[in-house]
N, C-alpha and C. Protein backbone atom coordinates (compact mmCIF):
# COMPACT_ATOMS: atom_id res chain seq x y z
N MET A 1 -9.08 -20.14 14.43
CA MET A 1 -8.75 -18.76 14.13
C MET A 1 -8.21 -18.07 15.39
N PHE A 2 -7.07 -17.40 15.25
CA PHE A 2 -6.45 -16.77 16.41
C PHE A 2 -7.16 -15.45 16.73
N ILE A 3 -7.50 -15.27 17.98
CA ILE A 3 -8.16 -14.05 18.45
C ILE A 3 -7.13 -13.19 19.17
N LEU A 4 -6.91 -11.98 18.68
CA LEU A 4 -5.95 -11.09 19.31
C LEU A 4 -6.52 -10.46 20.57
N THR A 5 -5.65 -10.21 21.52
CA THR A 5 -6.00 -9.50 22.75
C THR A 5 -5.34 -8.13 22.71
N ASN A 6 -5.25 -7.49 23.85
CA ASN A 6 -4.57 -6.20 23.92
C ASN A 6 -3.05 -6.34 23.83
N ASP A 7 -2.53 -7.56 24.00
CA ASP A 7 -1.10 -7.79 23.89
C ASP A 7 -0.64 -7.49 22.46
N LEU A 8 0.54 -6.91 22.36
CA LEU A 8 1.09 -6.57 21.05
C LEU A 8 1.77 -7.82 20.47
N TYR A 9 0.97 -8.62 19.78
CA TYR A 9 1.46 -9.93 19.32
C TYR A 9 0.66 -10.38 18.11
N PHE A 10 1.34 -11.06 17.18
CA PHE A 10 0.69 -11.76 16.08
C PHE A 10 1.24 -13.19 16.03
N PRO A 11 0.40 -14.16 15.70
CA PRO A 11 0.90 -15.52 15.53
C PRO A 11 1.77 -15.60 14.27
N PRO A 12 2.57 -16.65 14.13
CA PRO A 12 3.39 -16.82 12.93
C PRO A 12 2.52 -16.81 11.67
N VAL A 13 3.02 -16.20 10.60
CA VAL A 13 2.22 -16.06 9.38
C VAL A 13 1.89 -17.42 8.77
N GLU A 14 2.68 -18.44 9.09
CA GLU A 14 2.40 -19.78 8.56
C GLU A 14 1.08 -20.34 9.09
N ASN A 15 0.55 -19.72 10.12
CA ASN A 15 -0.73 -20.17 10.70
C ASN A 15 -1.94 -19.64 9.93
N ALA A 16 -1.73 -18.78 8.94
CA ALA A 16 -2.84 -18.24 8.16
C ALA A 16 -3.55 -19.36 7.41
N ASP A 17 -4.86 -19.20 7.20
CA ASP A 17 -5.59 -20.21 6.45
C ASP A 17 -5.28 -20.07 4.96
N GLU A 18 -5.91 -20.91 4.15
CA GLU A 18 -5.57 -20.94 2.72
C GLU A 18 -5.90 -19.64 2.00
N ASP A 19 -6.79 -18.85 2.56
CA ASP A 19 -7.11 -17.55 1.98
C ASP A 19 -6.19 -16.44 2.48
N GLY A 20 -5.39 -16.76 3.49
CA GLY A 20 -4.47 -15.77 4.03
C GLY A 20 -4.92 -15.13 5.32
N LEU A 21 -6.10 -15.48 5.82
CA LEU A 21 -6.58 -14.89 7.07
C LEU A 21 -5.81 -15.48 8.25
N LEU A 22 -5.20 -14.62 9.04
CA LEU A 22 -4.33 -15.05 10.13
C LEU A 22 -4.96 -14.87 11.50
N ALA A 23 -5.61 -13.73 11.73
CA ALA A 23 -6.13 -13.43 13.07
C ALA A 23 -7.23 -12.39 12.96
N ILE A 24 -8.01 -12.25 14.03
CA ILE A 24 -9.01 -11.21 14.11
C ILE A 24 -8.92 -10.52 15.47
N GLY A 25 -9.40 -9.29 15.50
CA GLY A 25 -9.41 -8.55 16.76
C GLY A 25 -8.26 -7.58 16.87
N GLY A 26 -7.91 -7.23 18.09
CA GLY A 26 -6.85 -6.27 18.32
C GLY A 26 -7.32 -4.85 18.05
N ASP A 27 -6.40 -4.01 17.63
CA ASP A 27 -6.71 -2.60 17.37
C ASP A 27 -5.89 -2.10 16.20
N LEU A 28 -6.07 -0.83 15.89
CA LEU A 28 -5.34 -0.20 14.79
C LEU A 28 -4.35 0.83 15.31
N SER A 29 -3.76 0.54 16.45
CA SER A 29 -2.76 1.45 17.02
C SER A 29 -1.53 1.50 16.12
N ILE A 30 -0.77 2.56 16.25
CA ILE A 30 0.45 2.71 15.44
C ILE A 30 1.40 1.54 15.68
N ASP A 31 1.62 1.18 16.94
CA ASP A 31 2.56 0.10 17.24
C ASP A 31 2.12 -1.23 16.64
N ARG A 32 0.82 -1.52 16.73
CA ARG A 32 0.34 -2.79 16.18
C ARG A 32 0.45 -2.81 14.64
N LEU A 33 0.10 -1.70 14.02
CA LEU A 33 0.19 -1.63 12.56
C LEU A 33 1.63 -1.77 12.08
N LEU A 34 2.55 -1.12 12.76
CA LEU A 34 3.96 -1.24 12.36
C LEU A 34 4.47 -2.66 12.54
N LEU A 35 4.09 -3.29 13.64
CA LEU A 35 4.47 -4.69 13.86
C LEU A 35 3.88 -5.58 12.77
N ALA A 36 2.63 -5.32 12.42
CA ALA A 36 1.97 -6.13 11.39
C ALA A 36 2.71 -6.04 10.06
N TYR A 37 2.96 -4.83 9.60
CA TYR A 37 3.61 -4.68 8.30
C TYR A 37 5.02 -5.28 8.31
N LYS A 38 5.75 -5.04 9.37
CA LYS A 38 7.10 -5.59 9.46
C LYS A 38 7.08 -7.12 9.46
N SER A 39 5.95 -7.71 9.88
CA SER A 39 5.83 -9.17 9.96
C SER A 39 5.18 -9.78 8.72
N GLY A 40 4.82 -8.94 7.73
CA GLY A 40 4.17 -9.45 6.54
C GLY A 40 2.67 -9.60 6.67
N ILE A 41 2.06 -8.79 7.52
CA ILE A 41 0.63 -8.88 7.84
C ILE A 41 -0.02 -7.52 7.57
N PHE A 42 -1.27 -7.52 7.13
CA PHE A 42 -1.97 -6.26 6.93
C PHE A 42 -3.44 -6.41 7.31
N PRO A 43 -4.09 -5.31 7.73
CA PRO A 43 -5.52 -5.37 8.08
C PRO A 43 -6.38 -5.17 6.84
N TRP A 44 -7.50 -5.88 6.80
CA TRP A 44 -8.44 -5.75 5.67
C TRP A 44 -9.78 -6.31 6.13
N TYR A 45 -10.77 -5.46 6.22
CA TYR A 45 -12.06 -5.89 6.73
C TYR A 45 -13.12 -4.87 6.39
N SER A 46 -14.37 -5.25 6.52
CA SER A 46 -15.49 -4.35 6.26
C SER A 46 -15.99 -3.75 7.57
N ASP A 47 -16.79 -2.70 7.45
CA ASP A 47 -17.30 -1.99 8.62
C ASP A 47 -18.05 -2.89 9.59
N ASP A 48 -18.75 -3.89 9.06
CA ASP A 48 -19.57 -4.74 9.91
C ASP A 48 -18.83 -5.97 10.42
N GLU A 49 -17.52 -5.98 10.29
CA GLU A 49 -16.69 -7.12 10.73
C GLU A 49 -15.71 -6.67 11.79
N PRO A 50 -15.19 -7.61 12.59
CA PRO A 50 -14.06 -7.28 13.46
C PRO A 50 -12.82 -7.06 12.59
N ILE A 51 -11.78 -6.47 13.15
CA ILE A 51 -10.55 -6.26 12.40
C ILE A 51 -9.98 -7.62 11.99
N CYS A 52 -9.73 -7.80 10.71
CA CYS A 52 -9.16 -9.04 10.18
C CYS A 52 -7.75 -8.78 9.70
N TRP A 53 -6.83 -9.68 10.04
CA TRP A 53 -5.42 -9.54 9.71
C TRP A 53 -5.01 -10.65 8.74
N TRP A 54 -4.33 -10.27 7.67
CA TRP A 54 -4.06 -11.19 6.57
C TRP A 54 -2.57 -11.31 6.26
N SER A 55 -2.19 -12.50 5.82
CA SER A 55 -0.84 -12.74 5.29
C SER A 55 -0.96 -13.79 4.18
N PRO A 56 -1.34 -13.35 2.98
CA PRO A 56 -1.62 -14.31 1.90
C PRO A 56 -0.37 -14.99 1.37
N HIS A 57 -0.58 -16.17 0.83
CA HIS A 57 0.49 -16.94 0.18
C HIS A 57 -0.05 -17.48 -1.13
N PRO A 58 0.62 -17.18 -2.26
CA PRO A 58 1.82 -16.34 -2.37
C PRO A 58 1.49 -14.86 -2.21
N ARG A 59 2.53 -14.04 -2.28
CA ARG A 59 2.38 -12.60 -2.07
C ARG A 59 2.60 -11.87 -3.38
N PHE A 60 1.79 -10.87 -3.64
CA PHE A 60 1.86 -10.09 -4.87
C PHE A 60 2.76 -8.88 -4.63
N VAL A 61 3.86 -8.79 -5.37
CA VAL A 61 4.85 -7.75 -5.13
C VAL A 61 5.36 -7.18 -6.45
N LEU A 62 6.04 -6.07 -6.34
CA LEU A 62 6.73 -5.48 -7.49
C LEU A 62 8.16 -5.13 -7.11
N TYR A 63 9.10 -5.63 -7.88
CA TYR A 63 10.48 -5.18 -7.75
C TYR A 63 10.61 -3.90 -8.57
N PRO A 64 11.01 -2.78 -7.95
CA PRO A 64 11.01 -1.51 -8.67
C PRO A 64 11.75 -1.53 -10.01
N SER A 65 12.84 -2.28 -10.07
CA SER A 65 13.62 -2.33 -11.31
C SER A 65 12.89 -3.06 -12.43
N GLN A 66 11.81 -3.78 -12.09
CA GLN A 66 11.10 -4.58 -13.09
C GLN A 66 9.77 -3.96 -13.51
N ILE A 67 9.56 -2.69 -13.17
CA ILE A 67 8.31 -2.05 -13.56
C ILE A 67 8.21 -1.97 -15.08
N LYS A 68 7.02 -2.23 -15.58
CA LYS A 68 6.76 -2.20 -17.02
C LYS A 68 6.03 -0.91 -17.38
N ILE A 69 6.58 -0.19 -18.33
CA ILE A 69 5.97 1.07 -18.77
C ILE A 69 5.68 0.96 -20.26
N SER A 70 4.42 0.98 -20.61
CA SER A 70 4.02 0.86 -22.01
C SER A 70 4.40 2.13 -22.78
N SER A 71 4.44 2.01 -24.09
CA SER A 71 4.78 3.17 -24.91
C SER A 71 3.75 4.28 -24.74
N SER A 72 2.47 3.89 -24.56
CA SER A 72 1.44 4.91 -24.37
C SER A 72 1.62 5.63 -23.04
N MET A 73 2.05 4.89 -21.99
CA MET A 73 2.29 5.53 -20.70
C MET A 73 3.53 6.39 -20.73
N LYS A 74 4.52 6.02 -21.52
CA LYS A 74 5.71 6.88 -21.66
C LYS A 74 5.32 8.23 -22.23
N THR A 75 4.36 8.20 -23.15
CA THR A 75 3.85 9.47 -23.69
C THR A 75 3.17 10.29 -22.61
N VAL A 76 2.33 9.62 -21.78
CA VAL A 76 1.64 10.31 -20.69
C VAL A 76 2.64 10.90 -19.70
N LEU A 77 3.70 10.15 -19.41
CA LEU A 77 4.70 10.60 -18.45
C LEU A 77 5.47 11.82 -18.94
N ASN A 78 5.59 11.95 -20.25
CA ASN A 78 6.47 12.97 -20.81
C ASN A 78 5.75 14.15 -21.45
N ASN A 79 4.42 14.09 -21.55
CA ASN A 79 3.75 15.16 -22.29
C ASN A 79 3.41 16.38 -21.45
N GLY A 80 3.68 16.30 -20.14
CA GLY A 80 3.48 17.47 -19.27
C GLY A 80 2.04 17.75 -18.87
N ARG A 81 1.13 16.85 -19.19
CA ARG A 81 -0.29 17.09 -18.86
C ARG A 81 -0.52 17.01 -17.36
N PHE A 82 0.08 16.01 -16.70
CA PHE A 82 -0.08 15.80 -15.26
C PHE A 82 1.10 16.38 -14.49
N ARG A 83 0.82 16.73 -13.24
CA ARG A 83 1.88 17.14 -12.31
C ARG A 83 1.92 16.14 -11.16
N PHE A 84 3.13 15.80 -10.70
CA PHE A 84 3.33 14.77 -9.68
C PHE A 84 3.87 15.39 -8.40
N THR A 85 3.33 14.96 -7.26
CA THR A 85 3.84 15.39 -5.95
C THR A 85 3.86 14.21 -4.99
N ILE A 86 4.58 14.37 -3.89
CA ILE A 86 4.65 13.36 -2.84
C ILE A 86 4.30 14.02 -1.51
N ASN A 87 3.38 13.40 -0.78
CA ASN A 87 3.00 13.85 0.57
C ASN A 87 2.47 15.28 0.62
N LYS A 88 1.81 15.70 -0.44
CA LYS A 88 1.24 17.05 -0.45
C LYS A 88 -0.23 17.05 -0.05
N SER A 89 -0.89 15.88 -0.15
CA SER A 89 -2.33 15.87 0.14
C SER A 89 -2.75 14.48 0.61
N PHE A 90 -2.12 13.99 1.67
CA PHE A 90 -2.37 12.63 2.13
C PHE A 90 -3.83 12.41 2.50
N VAL A 91 -4.40 13.32 3.26
CA VAL A 91 -5.78 13.14 3.72
C VAL A 91 -6.73 13.09 2.54
N GLN A 92 -6.51 13.94 1.56
CA GLN A 92 -7.38 13.96 0.38
C GLN A 92 -7.22 12.68 -0.43
N VAL A 93 -5.99 12.16 -0.51
CA VAL A 93 -5.75 10.92 -1.24
C VAL A 93 -6.50 9.76 -0.58
N ILE A 94 -6.36 9.60 0.72
CA ILE A 94 -7.01 8.47 1.37
C ILE A 94 -8.53 8.63 1.33
N GLN A 95 -9.03 9.85 1.39
CA GLN A 95 -10.47 10.06 1.26
C GLN A 95 -10.96 9.64 -0.12
N ASN A 96 -10.21 9.97 -1.15
CA ASN A 96 -10.58 9.55 -2.50
C ASN A 96 -10.46 8.05 -2.68
N CYS A 97 -9.45 7.43 -2.08
CA CYS A 97 -9.32 5.97 -2.14
C CYS A 97 -10.54 5.31 -1.49
N LYS A 98 -11.07 5.96 -0.48
CA LYS A 98 -12.25 5.44 0.21
C LYS A 98 -13.53 5.61 -0.61
N SER A 99 -13.63 6.71 -1.33
CA SER A 99 -14.91 7.05 -1.94
C SER A 99 -15.01 6.77 -3.44
N VAL A 100 -13.88 6.75 -4.16
CA VAL A 100 -13.92 6.56 -5.60
C VAL A 100 -13.96 5.07 -5.93
N SER A 101 -14.94 4.65 -6.72
CA SER A 101 -15.09 3.23 -7.05
C SER A 101 -13.99 2.78 -8.01
N ARG A 102 -13.64 1.47 -7.93
CA ARG A 102 -12.64 0.86 -8.80
C ARG A 102 -13.24 -0.36 -9.47
N LYS A 103 -12.80 -0.62 -10.68
CA LYS A 103 -13.37 -1.68 -11.49
C LYS A 103 -13.28 -3.05 -10.83
N GLU A 104 -12.17 -3.33 -10.15
CA GLU A 104 -11.93 -4.67 -9.64
C GLU A 104 -12.39 -4.84 -8.20
N GLN A 105 -13.07 -3.84 -7.63
CA GLN A 105 -13.49 -3.93 -6.24
C GLN A 105 -14.96 -3.55 -6.09
N ASP A 106 -15.63 -4.21 -5.17
CA ASP A 106 -17.00 -3.87 -4.84
C ASP A 106 -16.99 -3.04 -3.55
N GLY A 107 -17.29 -1.76 -3.67
CA GLY A 107 -17.32 -0.93 -2.49
C GLY A 107 -15.93 -0.63 -1.95
N THR A 108 -15.86 -0.21 -0.70
CA THR A 108 -14.59 0.15 -0.08
C THR A 108 -14.38 -0.64 1.20
N TRP A 109 -13.10 -0.90 1.51
CA TRP A 109 -12.76 -1.53 2.77
C TRP A 109 -12.18 -0.50 3.74
N ILE A 110 -12.07 0.75 3.31
CA ILE A 110 -11.45 1.78 4.15
C ILE A 110 -12.53 2.39 5.04
N SER A 111 -12.63 1.89 6.24
CA SER A 111 -13.59 2.42 7.20
C SER A 111 -13.06 3.74 7.78
N THR A 112 -13.91 4.42 8.52
CA THR A 112 -13.48 5.66 9.17
C THR A 112 -12.33 5.40 10.13
N ALA A 113 -12.40 4.27 10.85
CA ALA A 113 -11.32 3.92 11.78
C ALA A 113 -10.02 3.65 11.03
N MET A 114 -10.10 2.94 9.90
CA MET A 114 -8.91 2.67 9.09
C MET A 114 -8.34 3.99 8.56
N GLN A 115 -9.21 4.85 8.08
CA GLN A 115 -8.76 6.13 7.55
C GLN A 115 -7.98 6.91 8.60
N GLN A 116 -8.50 6.99 9.81
CA GLN A 116 -7.83 7.73 10.86
C GLN A 116 -6.52 7.07 11.27
N ALA A 117 -6.51 5.75 11.27
CA ALA A 117 -5.29 5.02 11.65
C ALA A 117 -4.14 5.36 10.71
N TYR A 118 -4.42 5.44 9.41
CA TYR A 118 -3.35 5.74 8.44
C TYR A 118 -2.99 7.21 8.44
N ILE A 119 -3.95 8.06 8.77
CA ILE A 119 -3.61 9.47 8.96
C ILE A 119 -2.65 9.61 10.14
N ASN A 120 -2.90 8.85 11.21
CA ASN A 120 -1.99 8.85 12.37
C ASN A 120 -0.60 8.39 11.96
N LEU A 121 -0.53 7.34 11.14
CA LEU A 121 0.76 6.86 10.67
C LEU A 121 1.46 7.91 9.80
N HIS A 122 0.69 8.61 9.00
CA HIS A 122 1.26 9.67 8.17
C HIS A 122 1.85 10.78 9.04
N GLN A 123 1.13 11.14 10.09
CA GLN A 123 1.61 12.21 10.96
C GLN A 123 2.90 11.83 11.68
N LYS A 124 3.12 10.52 11.84
CA LYS A 124 4.35 10.03 12.45
C LYS A 124 5.44 9.77 11.41
N GLY A 125 5.12 9.95 10.13
CA GLY A 125 6.13 9.81 9.09
C GLY A 125 6.22 8.43 8.47
N TYR A 126 5.29 7.54 8.77
CA TYR A 126 5.35 6.18 8.23
C TYR A 126 4.47 5.97 7.00
N ALA A 127 3.38 6.67 6.91
CA ALA A 127 2.49 6.53 5.76
C ALA A 127 2.73 7.70 4.80
N HIS A 128 2.74 7.36 3.51
CA HIS A 128 3.09 8.34 2.49
C HIS A 128 2.09 8.30 1.35
N SER A 129 1.97 9.43 0.68
CA SER A 129 1.08 9.50 -0.48
C SER A 129 1.83 10.05 -1.68
N ALA A 130 1.35 9.66 -2.85
CA ALA A 130 1.83 10.22 -4.10
C ALA A 130 0.61 10.72 -4.86
N GLU A 131 0.73 11.89 -5.48
CA GLU A 131 -0.44 12.54 -6.06
C GLU A 131 -0.24 12.91 -7.53
N THR A 132 -1.33 12.84 -8.27
CA THR A 132 -1.39 13.32 -9.65
C THR A 132 -2.36 14.49 -9.71
N TRP A 133 -1.91 15.58 -10.32
CA TRP A 133 -2.72 16.79 -10.42
C TRP A 133 -2.95 17.16 -11.88
N LEU A 134 -4.12 17.69 -12.16
CA LEU A 134 -4.46 18.19 -13.48
C LEU A 134 -5.14 19.54 -13.31
N ASN A 135 -4.50 20.56 -13.82
CA ASN A 135 -5.04 21.93 -13.71
C ASN A 135 -5.36 22.29 -12.27
N GLY A 136 -4.48 21.90 -11.36
CA GLY A 136 -4.64 22.24 -9.95
C GLY A 136 -5.58 21.35 -9.17
N LYS A 137 -6.14 20.32 -9.81
CA LYS A 137 -7.10 19.43 -9.15
C LYS A 137 -6.48 18.05 -8.96
N LEU A 138 -6.68 17.46 -7.78
CA LEU A 138 -6.19 16.11 -7.52
C LEU A 138 -7.04 15.11 -8.30
N VAL A 139 -6.40 14.36 -9.21
CA VAL A 139 -7.15 13.44 -10.07
C VAL A 139 -6.68 11.99 -9.94
N GLY A 140 -5.67 11.75 -9.14
CA GLY A 140 -5.19 10.39 -8.94
C GLY A 140 -4.15 10.34 -7.84
N GLY A 141 -3.92 9.15 -7.31
CA GLY A 141 -2.91 9.02 -6.29
C GLY A 141 -2.93 7.68 -5.60
N LEU A 142 -2.04 7.52 -4.66
CA LEU A 142 -1.92 6.28 -3.91
C LEU A 142 -1.34 6.60 -2.54
N TYR A 143 -1.51 5.64 -1.61
CA TYR A 143 -0.86 5.79 -0.31
C TYR A 143 -0.40 4.42 0.18
N GLY A 144 0.52 4.43 1.12
CA GLY A 144 1.03 3.20 1.68
C GLY A 144 1.99 3.47 2.81
N ILE A 145 2.64 2.43 3.28
CA ILE A 145 3.54 2.49 4.43
C ILE A 145 4.97 2.28 3.97
N ARG A 146 5.88 3.06 4.50
CA ARG A 146 7.31 2.90 4.21
C ARG A 146 8.02 2.46 5.48
N LEU A 147 8.61 1.28 5.43
CA LEU A 147 9.47 0.79 6.51
C LEU A 147 10.82 0.45 5.92
N GLY A 148 11.81 1.27 6.21
CA GLY A 148 13.14 1.02 5.67
C GLY A 148 13.13 1.04 4.16
N ASN A 149 13.57 -0.07 3.55
CA ASN A 149 13.66 -0.15 2.10
C ASN A 149 12.49 -0.91 1.48
N ILE A 150 11.38 -0.99 2.20
CA ILE A 150 10.18 -1.64 1.70
C ILE A 150 9.03 -0.63 1.70
N PHE A 151 8.26 -0.61 0.61
CA PHE A 151 7.05 0.19 0.57
C PHE A 151 5.86 -0.75 0.45
N PHE A 152 4.91 -0.59 1.36
CA PHE A 152 3.71 -1.42 1.39
C PHE A 152 2.56 -0.61 0.80
N GLY A 153 2.20 -0.90 -0.43
CA GLY A 153 1.11 -0.17 -1.07
C GLY A 153 -0.23 -0.56 -0.47
N GLU A 154 -1.08 0.42 -0.25
CA GLU A 154 -2.39 0.16 0.35
C GLU A 154 -3.54 0.35 -0.63
N SER A 155 -3.63 1.49 -1.26
CA SER A 155 -4.75 1.73 -2.16
C SER A 155 -4.39 2.86 -3.10
N MET A 156 -5.11 2.92 -4.24
CA MET A 156 -4.93 4.00 -5.19
C MET A 156 -6.28 4.36 -5.81
N PHE A 157 -6.33 5.52 -6.43
CA PHE A 157 -7.57 5.96 -7.07
C PHE A 157 -7.23 6.81 -8.27
N ASN A 158 -8.19 6.98 -9.15
CA ASN A 158 -8.08 8.00 -10.19
C ASN A 158 -9.47 8.43 -10.64
N THR A 159 -9.57 9.69 -10.98
CA THR A 159 -10.80 10.23 -11.56
C THR A 159 -10.55 10.69 -12.99
N GLU A 160 -9.33 10.49 -13.46
CA GLU A 160 -8.93 10.85 -14.82
C GLU A 160 -8.11 9.68 -15.37
N SER A 161 -8.36 9.33 -16.61
CA SER A 161 -7.68 8.18 -17.21
C SER A 161 -6.17 8.29 -17.06
N ASN A 162 -5.54 7.19 -16.60
CA ASN A 162 -4.09 7.05 -16.44
C ASN A 162 -3.51 7.81 -15.26
N ALA A 163 -4.35 8.49 -14.48
CA ALA A 163 -3.82 9.31 -13.38
C ALA A 163 -3.20 8.47 -12.27
N SER A 164 -3.80 7.34 -11.93
CA SER A 164 -3.22 6.49 -10.89
C SER A 164 -1.94 5.81 -11.39
N LYS A 165 -1.93 5.38 -12.65
CA LYS A 165 -0.71 4.80 -13.23
C LYS A 165 0.42 5.82 -13.23
N PHE A 166 0.08 7.04 -13.56
CA PHE A 166 1.08 8.11 -13.58
C PHE A 166 1.72 8.27 -12.20
N ALA A 167 0.87 8.36 -11.16
CA ALA A 167 1.39 8.51 -9.80
C ALA A 167 2.22 7.30 -9.39
N PHE A 168 1.72 6.11 -9.73
CA PHE A 168 2.41 4.89 -9.33
C PHE A 168 3.78 4.79 -9.99
N ILE A 169 3.85 5.01 -11.29
CA ILE A 169 5.13 4.90 -12.00
C ILE A 169 6.12 5.95 -11.52
N LYS A 170 5.65 7.17 -11.37
CA LYS A 170 6.54 8.24 -10.90
C LYS A 170 7.04 7.95 -9.49
N TYR A 171 6.16 7.42 -8.64
CA TYR A 171 6.56 7.14 -7.26
C TYR A 171 7.52 5.95 -7.20
N VAL A 172 7.25 4.92 -7.96
CA VAL A 172 8.16 3.77 -7.99
C VAL A 172 9.54 4.21 -8.47
N THR A 173 9.58 5.07 -9.45
CA THR A 173 10.86 5.59 -9.95
C THR A 173 11.61 6.33 -8.85
N GLN A 174 10.88 7.12 -8.07
CA GLN A 174 11.50 7.84 -6.96
C GLN A 174 11.97 6.88 -5.87
N LEU A 175 11.15 5.89 -5.54
CA LEU A 175 11.53 4.92 -4.51
C LEU A 175 12.77 4.13 -4.92
N GLN A 176 12.88 3.82 -6.19
CA GLN A 176 14.06 3.10 -6.67
C GLN A 176 15.32 3.93 -6.44
N LYS A 177 15.23 5.24 -6.63
CA LYS A 177 16.37 6.13 -6.37
C LYS A 177 16.73 6.14 -4.89
N GLU A 178 15.73 5.84 -4.03
CA GLU A 178 15.96 5.83 -2.58
C GLU A 178 16.28 4.43 -2.07
N ASN A 179 16.62 3.53 -2.98
CA ASN A 179 17.07 2.17 -2.65
C ASN A 179 15.97 1.27 -2.08
N VAL A 180 14.72 1.58 -2.37
CA VAL A 180 13.64 0.67 -2.00
C VAL A 180 13.76 -0.59 -2.85
N THR A 181 13.76 -1.74 -2.20
CA THR A 181 14.02 -3.00 -2.89
C THR A 181 12.76 -3.74 -3.30
N LEU A 182 11.63 -3.44 -2.64
CA LEU A 182 10.41 -4.18 -2.92
C LEU A 182 9.19 -3.34 -2.59
N ILE A 183 8.17 -3.48 -3.42
CA ILE A 183 6.88 -2.85 -3.16
C ILE A 183 5.86 -3.96 -2.97
N ASP A 184 5.25 -3.99 -1.80
CA ASP A 184 4.22 -4.98 -1.49
C ASP A 184 2.90 -4.52 -2.09
N CYS A 185 2.35 -5.35 -2.97
CA CYS A 185 1.04 -5.05 -3.58
C CYS A 185 -0.06 -5.91 -2.98
N GLN A 186 0.30 -6.78 -2.05
CA GLN A 186 -0.63 -7.59 -1.26
C GLN A 186 -1.37 -8.63 -2.09
N LEU A 187 -2.41 -8.22 -2.81
CA LEU A 187 -3.28 -9.14 -3.54
C LEU A 187 -3.28 -8.80 -5.03
N HIS A 188 -3.43 -9.82 -5.85
CA HIS A 188 -3.36 -9.65 -7.30
C HIS A 188 -4.44 -8.72 -7.83
N THR A 189 -4.03 -7.79 -8.71
CA THR A 189 -4.96 -7.04 -9.53
C THR A 189 -4.39 -7.00 -10.95
N ASN A 190 -5.25 -6.99 -11.92
CA ASN A 190 -4.80 -6.91 -13.31
C ASN A 190 -4.05 -5.60 -13.57
N HIS A 191 -4.50 -4.55 -12.92
CA HIS A 191 -3.89 -3.23 -13.08
C HIS A 191 -2.41 -3.27 -12.71
N LEU A 192 -2.08 -3.84 -11.55
CA LEU A 192 -0.69 -3.88 -11.11
C LEU A 192 0.11 -4.96 -11.84
N ALA A 193 -0.56 -6.04 -12.22
CA ALA A 193 0.12 -7.07 -13.01
C ALA A 193 0.62 -6.49 -14.33
N SER A 194 -0.18 -5.61 -14.93
CA SER A 194 0.22 -4.99 -16.20
C SER A 194 1.43 -4.08 -16.03
N LEU A 195 1.69 -3.66 -14.77
CA LEU A 195 2.83 -2.80 -14.48
C LEU A 195 4.05 -3.58 -14.00
N GLY A 196 3.94 -4.92 -13.96
CA GLY A 196 5.10 -5.73 -13.64
C GLY A 196 5.06 -6.45 -12.32
N ALA A 197 3.99 -6.29 -11.54
CA ALA A 197 3.90 -6.99 -10.26
C ALA A 197 3.77 -8.49 -10.49
N THR A 198 4.28 -9.27 -9.54
CA THR A 198 4.31 -10.72 -9.69
C THR A 198 4.13 -11.40 -8.34
N MET A 199 3.85 -12.68 -8.36
CA MET A 199 3.69 -13.45 -7.13
C MET A 199 5.03 -14.01 -6.68
N ILE A 200 5.29 -13.97 -5.36
CA ILE A 200 6.45 -14.65 -4.80
C ILE A 200 6.02 -15.45 -3.58
N ASP A 201 6.82 -16.40 -3.20
CA ASP A 201 6.55 -17.24 -2.04
C ASP A 201 6.54 -16.40 -0.76
N ARG A 202 5.63 -16.69 0.14
CA ARG A 202 5.54 -15.92 1.38
C ARG A 202 6.83 -16.02 2.20
N LYS A 203 7.47 -17.17 2.20
CA LYS A 203 8.73 -17.30 2.94
C LYS A 203 9.78 -16.34 2.40
N LEU A 204 9.85 -16.23 1.08
CA LEU A 204 10.80 -15.30 0.48
C LEU A 204 10.42 -13.87 0.84
N PHE A 205 9.14 -13.57 0.79
CA PHE A 205 8.67 -12.23 1.14
C PHE A 205 9.08 -11.87 2.56
N CYS A 206 8.84 -12.77 3.50
CA CYS A 206 9.18 -12.50 4.90
C CYS A 206 10.68 -12.40 5.10
N LYS A 207 11.45 -13.15 4.32
CA LYS A 207 12.92 -13.06 4.38
C LYS A 207 13.38 -11.68 3.93
N ILE A 208 12.78 -11.17 2.88
CA ILE A 208 13.11 -9.83 2.40
C ILE A 208 12.74 -8.78 3.45
N LEU A 209 11.58 -8.96 4.08
CA LEU A 209 11.18 -8.02 5.13
C LEU A 209 12.17 -8.01 6.28
N LYS A 210 12.61 -9.19 6.66
CA LYS A 210 13.56 -9.30 7.78
C LYS A 210 14.84 -8.54 7.48
N GLU A 211 15.24 -8.55 6.21
CA GLU A 211 16.48 -7.89 5.82
C GLU A 211 16.31 -6.40 5.57
N ASP A 212 15.16 -6.00 5.01
CA ASP A 212 15.05 -4.64 4.50
C ASP A 212 13.96 -3.77 5.12
N ALA A 213 13.06 -4.36 5.91
CA ALA A 213 12.00 -3.56 6.53
C ALA A 213 12.41 -3.25 7.97
N PHE A 214 12.57 -1.98 8.27
CA PHE A 214 12.89 -1.60 9.65
C PHE A 214 12.13 -0.34 10.00
N ILE A 215 11.89 -0.18 11.27
CA ILE A 215 11.10 0.96 11.75
C ILE A 215 12.02 2.10 12.11
N ALA A 216 11.82 3.20 11.43
CA ALA A 216 12.61 4.40 11.69
C ALA A 216 11.74 5.59 11.38
N ASP A 217 12.13 6.75 11.85
CA ASP A 217 11.37 7.96 11.58
C ASP A 217 11.72 8.50 10.20
N PHE A 218 10.70 8.87 9.43
CA PHE A 218 10.89 9.45 8.12
C PHE A 218 10.25 10.83 8.14
N SER A 219 11.03 11.83 7.73
CA SER A 219 10.47 13.17 7.70
C SER A 219 9.56 13.32 6.49
N ILE A 220 8.47 14.04 6.67
CA ILE A 220 7.56 14.32 5.59
C ILE A 220 8.05 15.56 4.85
N LYS A 221 8.28 15.40 3.55
CA LYS A 221 8.80 16.50 2.77
C LYS A 221 7.72 17.03 1.83
């Protein structure tokens, strides 16, 4: 297992073990996180563990043009019950992602340090949130990293049925208008599979990143 030092470096993703674990250690600085995402790597660990860096094979992704919207969700999207926003409540979204339980996960992996790291990325324009509101209350949303034409999804939550799907579909639709070519979903979930996410080879994923993921400043609107 590769142990990271203070040097800004990751080993080749092909060195990851069969579960996708590539390295441990390092820090959650903005520069290291940006390098990780651009290289097809992401942090995922529990509070009682060192920072663990992953690059699973195959990779779970969604091509925006291939999103699946059920007839029932089309009704939800068009009935005016929910309101959609982008980057209006990033801190609240990540806090809810940390605290609201999800069917397919035991507990949370978003530590206080992770939470602050992504807030720092948001303040620099790299991390973005999408929100679902009901009667003025935040009831669903997601956050992730945008590098060039790639969006790296991190986590989502909902406290109202279909609220996270609403935010996800609306945001994917917006990203498609902005020429985003791929959404990284990292690891398989039934929720995202039902929306059209699929597995691709890690080599192909990294090739797409090389072509379409670049570090630039994005203004928060």
